Amino acid sequence: MHTLTPSQGQGQGAASVLIGIAANSSFENALSEGRFREDLFYRLNVLRITVPPLRERGNDPEILARHFTEEITREIGISEKRLRPDAIKVLQKHDWPGNVRELKNVLQQAIVMSEGPDIRAEHLSIFDRDRVARQSA
């Protein structure tokens, strides 16, 4: 617990602060390359949680896709949409270089672009890219 004095105003207040930091590169590399201060690294490096990329997380793309589909339809006020098996198959096979953010963006676009209650593979913006990549491999 720390005591804080506001820059404007009177009195003091107490605060308990927890800082979370996310990065897509190694702090150790940044430290050794002189791009990150050593003292700051040791202050912040109290508890490290490493989350593997989405492509390495088994059924997570399907689970997250179902969650985001429900969340997005509720937020924009439309009837719930269902992910069809062909769409789920495409979601599971994609590499997800943009991780969860990319997944959510793909679903937002599919929800808006699809007519009716179903989201099929052809509604996914990644469908054509993945099919072309597989054909040229």
N, C-alpha and C. Protein backbone atom coordinates (compact mmCIF):
# COMPACT_ATOMS: atom_id res chain seq x y z
N MET A 1 0.85 -1.18 0.00
CA MET A 1 0.00 0.00 0.00
C MET A 1 0.89 1.23 0.00
N HIS A 2 0.55 2.18 -0.84
CA HIS A 2 1.32 3.41 -0.96
C HIS A 2 0.43 4.60 -0.66
N THR A 3 1.03 5.67 -0.16
CA THR A 3 0.31 6.90 0.10
C THR A 3 0.58 7.86 -1.05
N LEU A 4 -0.49 8.42 -1.59
CA LEU A 4 -0.39 9.34 -2.72
C LEU A 4 -0.86 10.72 -2.31
N THR A 5 -0.20 11.73 -2.85
CA THR A 5 -0.62 13.11 -2.66
C THR A 5 -1.02 13.65 -4.02
N PRO A 6 -2.28 14.04 -4.21
CA PRO A 6 -2.72 14.55 -5.50
C PRO A 6 -1.97 15.84 -5.87
N SER A 7 -1.72 16.04 -7.16
CA SER A 7 -1.02 17.26 -7.59
C SER A 7 -1.88 18.49 -7.38
N GLN A 8 -3.18 18.32 -7.47
CA GLN A 8 -4.09 19.43 -7.18
C GLN A 8 -5.09 18.93 -6.14
N GLY A 9 -5.30 19.68 -5.16
CA GLY A 9 -6.21 19.24 -4.12
C GLY A 9 -5.47 19.08 -2.81
N GLN A 10 -6.20 18.64 -1.85
CA GLN A 10 -5.63 18.53 -0.52
C GLN A 10 -5.74 17.11 -0.02
N GLY A 11 -4.92 16.81 0.94
CA GLY A 11 -4.98 15.51 1.58
C GLY A 11 -4.19 14.46 0.84
N GLN A 12 -4.22 13.31 1.43
CA GLN A 12 -3.52 12.17 0.85
C GLN A 12 -4.48 11.01 0.75
N GLY A 13 -4.14 10.06 -0.11
CA GLY A 13 -4.95 8.87 -0.25
C GLY A 13 -4.05 7.65 -0.37
N ALA A 14 -4.61 6.51 -0.06
CA ALA A 14 -3.86 5.27 -0.16
C ALA A 14 -4.30 4.53 -1.42
N ALA A 15 -3.36 3.82 -2.01
CA ALA A 15 -3.68 3.06 -3.22
C ALA A 15 -2.86 1.78 -3.26
N SER A 16 -3.51 0.75 -3.69
CA SER A 16 -2.84 -0.51 -3.96
C SER A 16 -2.89 -0.70 -5.47
N VAL A 17 -1.75 -0.84 -6.10
CA VAL A 17 -1.69 -0.83 -7.55
C VAL A 17 -1.07 -2.13 -8.07
N LEU A 18 -1.68 -2.69 -9.10
CA LEU A 18 -1.15 -3.85 -9.80
C LEU A 18 -1.06 -3.47 -11.27
N ILE A 19 0.12 -3.63 -11.84
CA ILE A 19 0.33 -3.25 -13.23
C ILE A 19 0.51 -4.51 -14.06
N GLY A 20 -0.26 -4.62 -15.13
CA GLY A 20 -0.13 -5.74 -16.06
C GLY A 20 0.46 -5.25 -17.36
N ILE A 21 1.40 -6.01 -17.90
CA ILE A 21 2.06 -5.63 -19.14
C ILE A 21 1.99 -6.80 -20.11
N ALA A 22 1.65 -6.51 -21.35
CA ALA A 22 1.63 -7.53 -22.40
C ALA A 22 2.59 -7.10 -23.50
N ALA A 23 3.26 -8.09 -24.07
CA ALA A 23 4.20 -7.79 -25.15
C ALA A 23 4.21 -8.95 -26.13
N ASN A 24 4.51 -8.63 -27.38
CA ASN A 24 4.61 -9.69 -28.37
C ASN A 24 6.06 -10.01 -28.70
N SER A 25 6.97 -9.52 -27.86
CA SER A 25 8.38 -9.85 -28.01
C SER A 25 8.98 -10.07 -26.62
N SER A 26 10.17 -10.58 -26.58
CA SER A 26 10.81 -10.93 -25.33
C SER A 26 11.39 -9.70 -24.63
N PHE A 27 11.04 -9.54 -23.36
CA PHE A 27 11.63 -8.45 -22.58
C PHE A 27 13.12 -8.68 -22.40
N GLU A 28 13.53 -9.94 -22.29
CA GLU A 28 14.96 -10.24 -22.13
C GLU A 28 15.75 -9.77 -23.35
N ASN A 29 15.20 -10.00 -24.56
CA ASN A 29 15.88 -9.53 -25.77
C ASN A 29 15.96 -8.01 -25.79
N ALA A 30 14.88 -7.36 -25.44
CA ALA A 30 14.87 -5.90 -25.41
C ALA A 30 15.88 -5.38 -24.39
N LEU A 31 15.99 -6.07 -23.28
CA LEU A 31 16.93 -5.70 -22.23
C LEU A 31 18.37 -5.84 -22.73
N SER A 32 18.69 -6.98 -23.33
CA SER A 32 20.05 -7.21 -23.81
C SER A 32 20.42 -6.29 -24.98
N GLU A 33 19.42 -5.84 -25.73
CA GLU A 33 19.67 -4.93 -26.86
C GLU A 33 19.64 -3.46 -26.44
N GLY A 34 19.43 -3.21 -25.15
CA GLY A 34 19.41 -1.85 -24.64
C GLY A 34 18.14 -1.08 -24.94
N ARG A 35 17.06 -1.80 -25.29
CA ARG A 35 15.79 -1.14 -25.61
C ARG A 35 14.84 -1.11 -24.42
N PHE A 36 15.26 -1.67 -23.30
CA PHE A 36 14.42 -1.69 -22.09
C PHE A 36 15.33 -1.53 -20.89
N ARG A 37 14.92 -0.67 -19.97
CA ARG A 37 15.75 -0.39 -18.79
C ARG A 37 15.79 -1.58 -17.84
N GLU A 38 16.99 -1.93 -17.39
CA GLU A 38 17.17 -3.08 -16.50
C GLU A 38 16.44 -2.89 -15.17
N ASP A 39 16.54 -1.70 -14.60
CA ASP A 39 15.88 -1.48 -13.30
C ASP A 39 14.36 -1.61 -13.42
N LEU A 40 13.82 -1.13 -14.53
CA LEU A 40 12.38 -1.23 -14.75
C LEU A 40 11.97 -2.68 -14.97
N PHE A 41 12.78 -3.44 -15.69
CA PHE A 41 12.51 -4.86 -15.91
C PHE A 41 12.37 -5.60 -14.58
N TYR A 42 13.30 -5.39 -13.66
CA TYR A 42 13.27 -6.12 -12.39
C TYR A 42 12.14 -5.63 -11.48
N ARG A 43 11.72 -4.40 -11.62
CA ARG A 43 10.56 -3.91 -10.85
C ARG A 43 9.26 -4.54 -11.34
N LEU A 44 9.16 -4.71 -12.65
CA LEU A 44 7.92 -5.20 -13.24
C LEU A 44 7.84 -6.73 -13.31
N ASN A 45 8.96 -7.40 -13.27
CA ASN A 45 9.01 -8.84 -13.48
C ASN A 45 8.74 -9.60 -12.17
N VAL A 46 7.55 -9.41 -11.60
CA VAL A 46 7.18 -10.05 -10.35
C VAL A 46 6.49 -11.39 -10.62
N LEU A 47 5.52 -11.38 -11.48
CA LEU A 47 4.77 -12.58 -11.82
C LEU A 47 4.63 -12.63 -13.33
N ARG A 48 5.15 -13.69 -13.94
CA ARG A 48 5.13 -13.80 -15.39
C ARG A 48 4.12 -14.87 -15.79
N ILE A 49 3.24 -14.51 -16.70
CA ILE A 49 2.27 -15.45 -17.26
C ILE A 49 2.50 -15.50 -18.76
N THR A 50 2.83 -16.66 -19.27
CA THR A 50 3.06 -16.82 -20.69
C THR A 50 1.85 -17.50 -21.32
N VAL A 51 1.26 -16.83 -22.29
CA VAL A 51 0.09 -17.38 -22.99
C VAL A 51 0.53 -17.77 -24.39
N PRO A 52 0.37 -19.04 -24.75
CA PRO A 52 0.78 -19.45 -26.09
C PRO A 52 -0.11 -18.82 -27.16
N PRO A 53 0.40 -18.72 -28.39
CA PRO A 53 -0.42 -18.16 -29.47
C PRO A 53 -1.66 -19.01 -29.71
N LEU A 54 -2.68 -18.39 -30.24
CA LEU A 54 -3.96 -19.05 -30.48
C LEU A 54 -3.81 -20.31 -31.33
N ARG A 55 -2.92 -20.30 -32.30
CA ARG A 55 -2.73 -21.47 -33.18
C ARG A 55 -2.23 -22.70 -32.42
N GLU A 56 -1.69 -22.52 -31.21
CA GLU A 56 -1.17 -23.63 -30.42
C GLU A 56 -2.12 -24.03 -29.29
N ARG A 57 -3.35 -23.55 -29.31
CA ARG A 57 -4.24 -23.75 -28.17
C ARG A 57 -5.43 -24.65 -28.47
N GLY A 58 -5.24 -25.68 -29.27
CA GLY A 58 -6.25 -26.71 -29.48
C GLY A 58 -7.60 -26.19 -29.92
N ASN A 59 -8.63 -26.42 -29.10
CA ASN A 59 -10.01 -26.02 -29.43
C ASN A 59 -10.33 -24.58 -29.06
N ASP A 60 -9.37 -23.83 -28.58
CA ASP A 60 -9.66 -22.44 -28.18
C ASP A 60 -10.26 -21.60 -29.29
N PRO A 61 -9.82 -21.72 -30.56
CA PRO A 61 -10.47 -20.89 -31.59
C PRO A 61 -11.98 -21.12 -31.65
N GLU A 62 -12.42 -22.36 -31.55
CA GLU A 62 -13.86 -22.64 -31.58
C GLU A 62 -14.56 -22.07 -30.35
N ILE A 63 -13.98 -22.31 -29.19
CA ILE A 63 -14.59 -21.83 -27.93
C ILE A 63 -14.69 -20.30 -27.94
N LEU A 64 -13.59 -19.65 -28.31
CA LEU A 64 -13.59 -18.18 -28.36
C LEU A 64 -14.53 -17.67 -29.44
N ALA A 65 -14.59 -18.36 -30.58
CA ALA A 65 -15.48 -17.93 -31.67
C ALA A 65 -16.94 -17.96 -31.22
N ARG A 66 -17.33 -19.01 -30.53
CA ARG A 66 -18.71 -19.09 -30.03
C ARG A 66 -18.98 -17.96 -29.04
N HIS A 67 -18.03 -17.72 -28.15
CA HIS A 67 -18.18 -16.63 -27.17
C HIS A 67 -18.31 -15.28 -27.87
N PHE A 68 -17.39 -14.99 -28.79
CA PHE A 68 -17.41 -13.70 -29.48
C PHE A 68 -18.66 -13.53 -30.33
N THR A 69 -19.13 -14.61 -30.94
CA THR A 69 -20.35 -14.54 -31.75
C THR A 69 -21.53 -14.12 -30.88
N GLU A 70 -21.65 -14.73 -29.70
CA GLU A 70 -22.73 -14.35 -28.78
C GLU A 70 -22.57 -12.91 -28.31
N GLU A 71 -21.35 -12.54 -27.95
CA GLU A 71 -21.07 -11.20 -27.45
C GLU A 71 -21.36 -10.13 -28.51
N ILE A 72 -20.88 -10.35 -29.72
CA ILE A 72 -21.03 -9.35 -30.79
C ILE A 72 -22.50 -9.18 -31.18
N THR A 73 -23.23 -10.29 -31.34
CA THR A 73 -24.64 -10.17 -31.72
C THR A 73 -25.43 -9.45 -30.63
N ARG A 74 -25.10 -9.72 -29.38
CA ARG A 74 -25.78 -9.04 -28.27
C ARG A 74 -25.46 -7.54 -28.28
N GLU A 75 -24.17 -7.20 -28.50
CA GLU A 75 -23.75 -5.80 -28.51
C GLU A 75 -24.41 -4.99 -29.62
N ILE A 76 -24.56 -5.60 -30.81
CA ILE A 76 -25.14 -4.82 -31.92
C ILE A 76 -26.65 -5.00 -32.02
N GLY A 77 -27.20 -5.83 -31.14
CA GLY A 77 -28.65 -5.96 -31.05
C GLY A 77 -29.32 -6.73 -32.17
N ILE A 78 -28.68 -7.80 -32.62
CA ILE A 78 -29.30 -8.64 -33.64
C ILE A 78 -29.51 -10.05 -33.10
N SER A 79 -30.29 -10.84 -33.81
CA SER A 79 -30.54 -12.22 -33.39
C SER A 79 -29.25 -13.01 -33.38
N GLU A 80 -29.20 -13.98 -32.48
CA GLU A 80 -28.01 -14.81 -32.36
C GLU A 80 -27.72 -15.56 -33.66
N LYS A 81 -26.44 -15.70 -33.96
CA LYS A 81 -26.01 -16.43 -35.16
C LYS A 81 -25.31 -17.71 -34.72
N ARG A 82 -25.39 -18.72 -35.59
CA ARG A 82 -24.75 -20.02 -35.30
C ARG A 82 -23.56 -20.21 -36.23
N LEU A 83 -22.48 -20.72 -35.67
CA LEU A 83 -21.33 -21.10 -36.47
C LEU A 83 -21.57 -22.50 -37.01
N ARG A 84 -21.58 -22.65 -38.31
CA ARG A 84 -21.80 -23.94 -38.95
C ARG A 84 -20.49 -24.75 -38.90
N PRO A 85 -20.57 -26.06 -39.01
CA PRO A 85 -19.37 -26.91 -38.95
C PRO A 85 -18.29 -26.53 -39.96
N ASP A 86 -18.66 -26.12 -41.17
CA ASP A 86 -17.64 -25.73 -42.15
C ASP A 86 -16.89 -24.48 -41.72
N ALA A 87 -17.59 -23.55 -41.05
CA ALA A 87 -16.93 -22.34 -40.54
C ALA A 87 -15.99 -22.70 -39.39
N ILE A 88 -16.43 -23.57 -38.51
CA ILE A 88 -15.58 -23.98 -37.38
C ILE A 88 -14.32 -24.66 -37.89
N LYS A 89 -14.45 -25.47 -38.92
CA LYS A 89 -13.30 -26.16 -39.50
C LYS A 89 -12.27 -25.15 -40.02
N VAL A 90 -12.74 -24.11 -40.70
CA VAL A 90 -11.84 -23.08 -41.21
C VAL A 90 -11.18 -22.33 -40.05
N LEU A 91 -11.95 -22.01 -39.02
CA LEU A 91 -11.40 -21.31 -37.85
C LEU A 91 -10.32 -22.15 -37.16
N GLN A 92 -10.53 -23.45 -37.06
CA GLN A 92 -9.58 -24.34 -36.40
C GLN A 92 -8.28 -24.48 -37.20
N LYS A 93 -8.35 -24.41 -38.52
CA LYS A 93 -7.17 -24.64 -39.36
C LYS A 93 -6.34 -23.38 -39.61
N HIS A 94 -6.91 -22.22 -39.36
CA HIS A 94 -6.20 -20.96 -39.63
C HIS A 94 -5.04 -20.78 -38.64
N ASP A 95 -3.94 -20.14 -39.06
CA ASP A 95 -2.76 -19.93 -38.21
C ASP A 95 -2.92 -18.80 -37.19
N TRP A 96 -3.80 -17.88 -37.39
CA TRP A 96 -4.08 -16.76 -36.50
C TRP A 96 -2.84 -15.94 -36.16
N PRO A 97 -2.19 -15.34 -37.18
CA PRO A 97 -1.04 -14.49 -36.87
C PRO A 97 -1.42 -13.27 -36.03
N GLY A 98 -2.68 -12.86 -36.11
CA GLY A 98 -3.15 -11.73 -35.30
C GLY A 98 -3.76 -12.16 -33.99
N ASN A 99 -3.67 -13.45 -33.68
CA ASN A 99 -4.17 -14.01 -32.43
C ASN A 99 -5.65 -13.69 -32.21
N VAL A 100 -6.04 -13.47 -30.96
CA VAL A 100 -7.44 -13.31 -30.58
C VAL A 100 -8.05 -12.07 -31.22
N ARG A 101 -7.28 -11.01 -31.38
CA ARG A 101 -7.81 -9.80 -32.02
C ARG A 101 -8.25 -10.09 -33.45
N GLU A 102 -7.44 -10.86 -34.17
CA GLU A 102 -7.79 -11.22 -35.54
C GLU A 102 -9.05 -12.07 -35.57
N LEU A 103 -9.15 -13.04 -34.67
CA LEU A 103 -10.34 -13.90 -34.60
C LEU A 103 -11.59 -13.05 -34.38
N LYS A 104 -11.54 -12.13 -33.44
CA LYS A 104 -12.71 -11.30 -33.15
C LYS A 104 -13.07 -10.43 -34.37
N ASN A 105 -12.08 -9.88 -35.03
CA ASN A 105 -12.34 -9.05 -36.22
C ASN A 105 -12.98 -9.87 -37.34
N VAL A 106 -12.48 -11.08 -37.56
CA VAL A 106 -13.04 -11.97 -38.59
C VAL A 106 -14.50 -12.27 -38.28
N LEU A 107 -14.80 -12.52 -37.01
CA LEU A 107 -16.18 -12.82 -36.62
C LEU A 107 -17.09 -11.59 -36.74
N GLN A 108 -16.59 -10.43 -36.37
CA GLN A 108 -17.40 -9.21 -36.52
C GLN A 108 -17.80 -9.02 -37.98
N GLN A 109 -16.84 -9.19 -38.87
CA GLN A 109 -17.13 -9.04 -40.29
C GLN A 109 -18.12 -10.10 -40.76
N ALA A 110 -17.93 -11.34 -40.34
CA ALA A 110 -18.82 -12.44 -40.76
C ALA A 110 -20.25 -12.21 -40.27
N ILE A 111 -20.39 -11.74 -39.06
CA ILE A 111 -21.71 -11.49 -38.48
C ILE A 111 -22.44 -10.42 -39.28
N VAL A 112 -21.74 -9.38 -39.62
CA VAL A 112 -22.36 -8.27 -40.37
C VAL A 112 -22.67 -8.68 -41.81
N MET A 113 -21.77 -9.47 -42.41
CA MET A 113 -21.92 -9.81 -43.83
C MET A 113 -22.86 -10.99 -44.09
N SER A 114 -23.09 -11.83 -43.10
CA SER A 114 -23.94 -13.00 -43.32
C SER A 114 -25.41 -12.64 -43.19
N GLU A 115 -26.22 -13.26 -44.03
CA GLU A 115 -27.66 -13.08 -43.93
C GLU A 115 -28.22 -14.33 -43.27
N GLY A 116 -29.23 -14.17 -42.48
CA GLY A 116 -29.81 -15.32 -41.81
C GLY A 116 -29.06 -15.68 -40.53
N PRO A 117 -29.46 -16.79 -39.94
CA PRO A 117 -28.93 -17.14 -38.62
C PRO A 117 -27.60 -17.89 -38.64
N ASP A 118 -27.10 -18.27 -39.82
CA ASP A 118 -25.91 -19.12 -39.88
C ASP A 118 -24.69 -18.37 -40.40
N ILE A 119 -23.54 -18.69 -39.81
CA ILE A 119 -22.25 -18.22 -40.32
C ILE A 119 -21.57 -19.44 -40.92
N ARG A 120 -21.31 -19.36 -42.22
CA ARG A 120 -20.68 -20.46 -42.94
C ARG A 120 -19.24 -20.06 -43.31
N ALA A 121 -18.48 -21.01 -43.78
CA ALA A 121 -17.07 -20.77 -44.14
C ALA A 121 -16.93 -19.60 -45.11
N GLU A 122 -17.83 -19.52 -46.10
CA GLU A 122 -17.69 -18.46 -47.10
C GLU A 122 -17.93 -17.06 -46.53
N HIS A 123 -18.50 -16.96 -45.34
CA HIS A 123 -18.68 -15.66 -44.69
C HIS A 123 -17.41 -15.17 -43.99
N LEU A 124 -16.45 -16.06 -43.82
CA LEU A 124 -15.22 -15.72 -43.10
C LEU A 124 -14.20 -15.13 -44.07
N SER A 125 -13.67 -13.98 -43.74
CA SER A 125 -12.70 -13.32 -44.63
C SER A 125 -11.43 -14.14 -44.79
N ILE A 126 -11.14 -15.04 -43.89
CA ILE A 126 -9.94 -15.88 -43.99
C ILE A 126 -10.15 -17.09 -44.88
N PHE A 127 -11.38 -17.38 -45.25
CA PHE A 127 -11.70 -18.59 -46.01
C PHE A 127 -10.94 -18.65 -47.32
N ASP A 128 -11.01 -17.61 -48.13
CA ASP A 128 -10.35 -17.60 -49.43
C ASP A 128 -8.83 -17.61 -49.29
N ARG A 129 -8.29 -16.85 -48.34
CA ARG A 129 -6.84 -16.82 -48.15
C ARG A 129 -6.31 -18.19 -47.79
N ASP A 130 -6.97 -18.89 -46.88
CA ASP A 130 -6.52 -20.21 -46.46
C ASP A 130 -6.65 -21.23 -47.59
N ARG A 131 -7.72 -21.15 -48.35
CA ARG A 131 -7.91 -22.08 -49.46
C ARG A 131 -6.84 -21.87 -50.51
N VAL A 132 -6.53 -20.62 -50.86
CA VAL A 132 -5.50 -20.33 -51.84
C VAL A 132 -4.13 -20.79 -51.33
N ALA A 133 -3.84 -20.57 -50.04
CA ALA A 133 -2.55 -20.99 -49.47
C ALA A 133 -2.41 -22.51 -49.54
N ARG A 134 -3.47 -23.25 -49.25
CA ARG A 134 -3.41 -24.72 -49.30
C ARG A 134 -3.22 -25.22 -50.73
N GLN A 135 -3.87 -24.54 -51.70
CA GLN A 135 -3.77 -24.97 -53.10
C GLN A 135 -2.39 -24.72 -53.68
N SER A 136 -1.72 -23.64 -53.23
CA SER A 136 -0.42 -23.33 -53.78
C SER A 136 0.71 -24.07 -53.05
N ALA A 137 0.40 -24.72 -51.94
CA ALA A 137 1.43 -25.45 -51.18
C ALA A 137 1.70 -26.82 -51.76
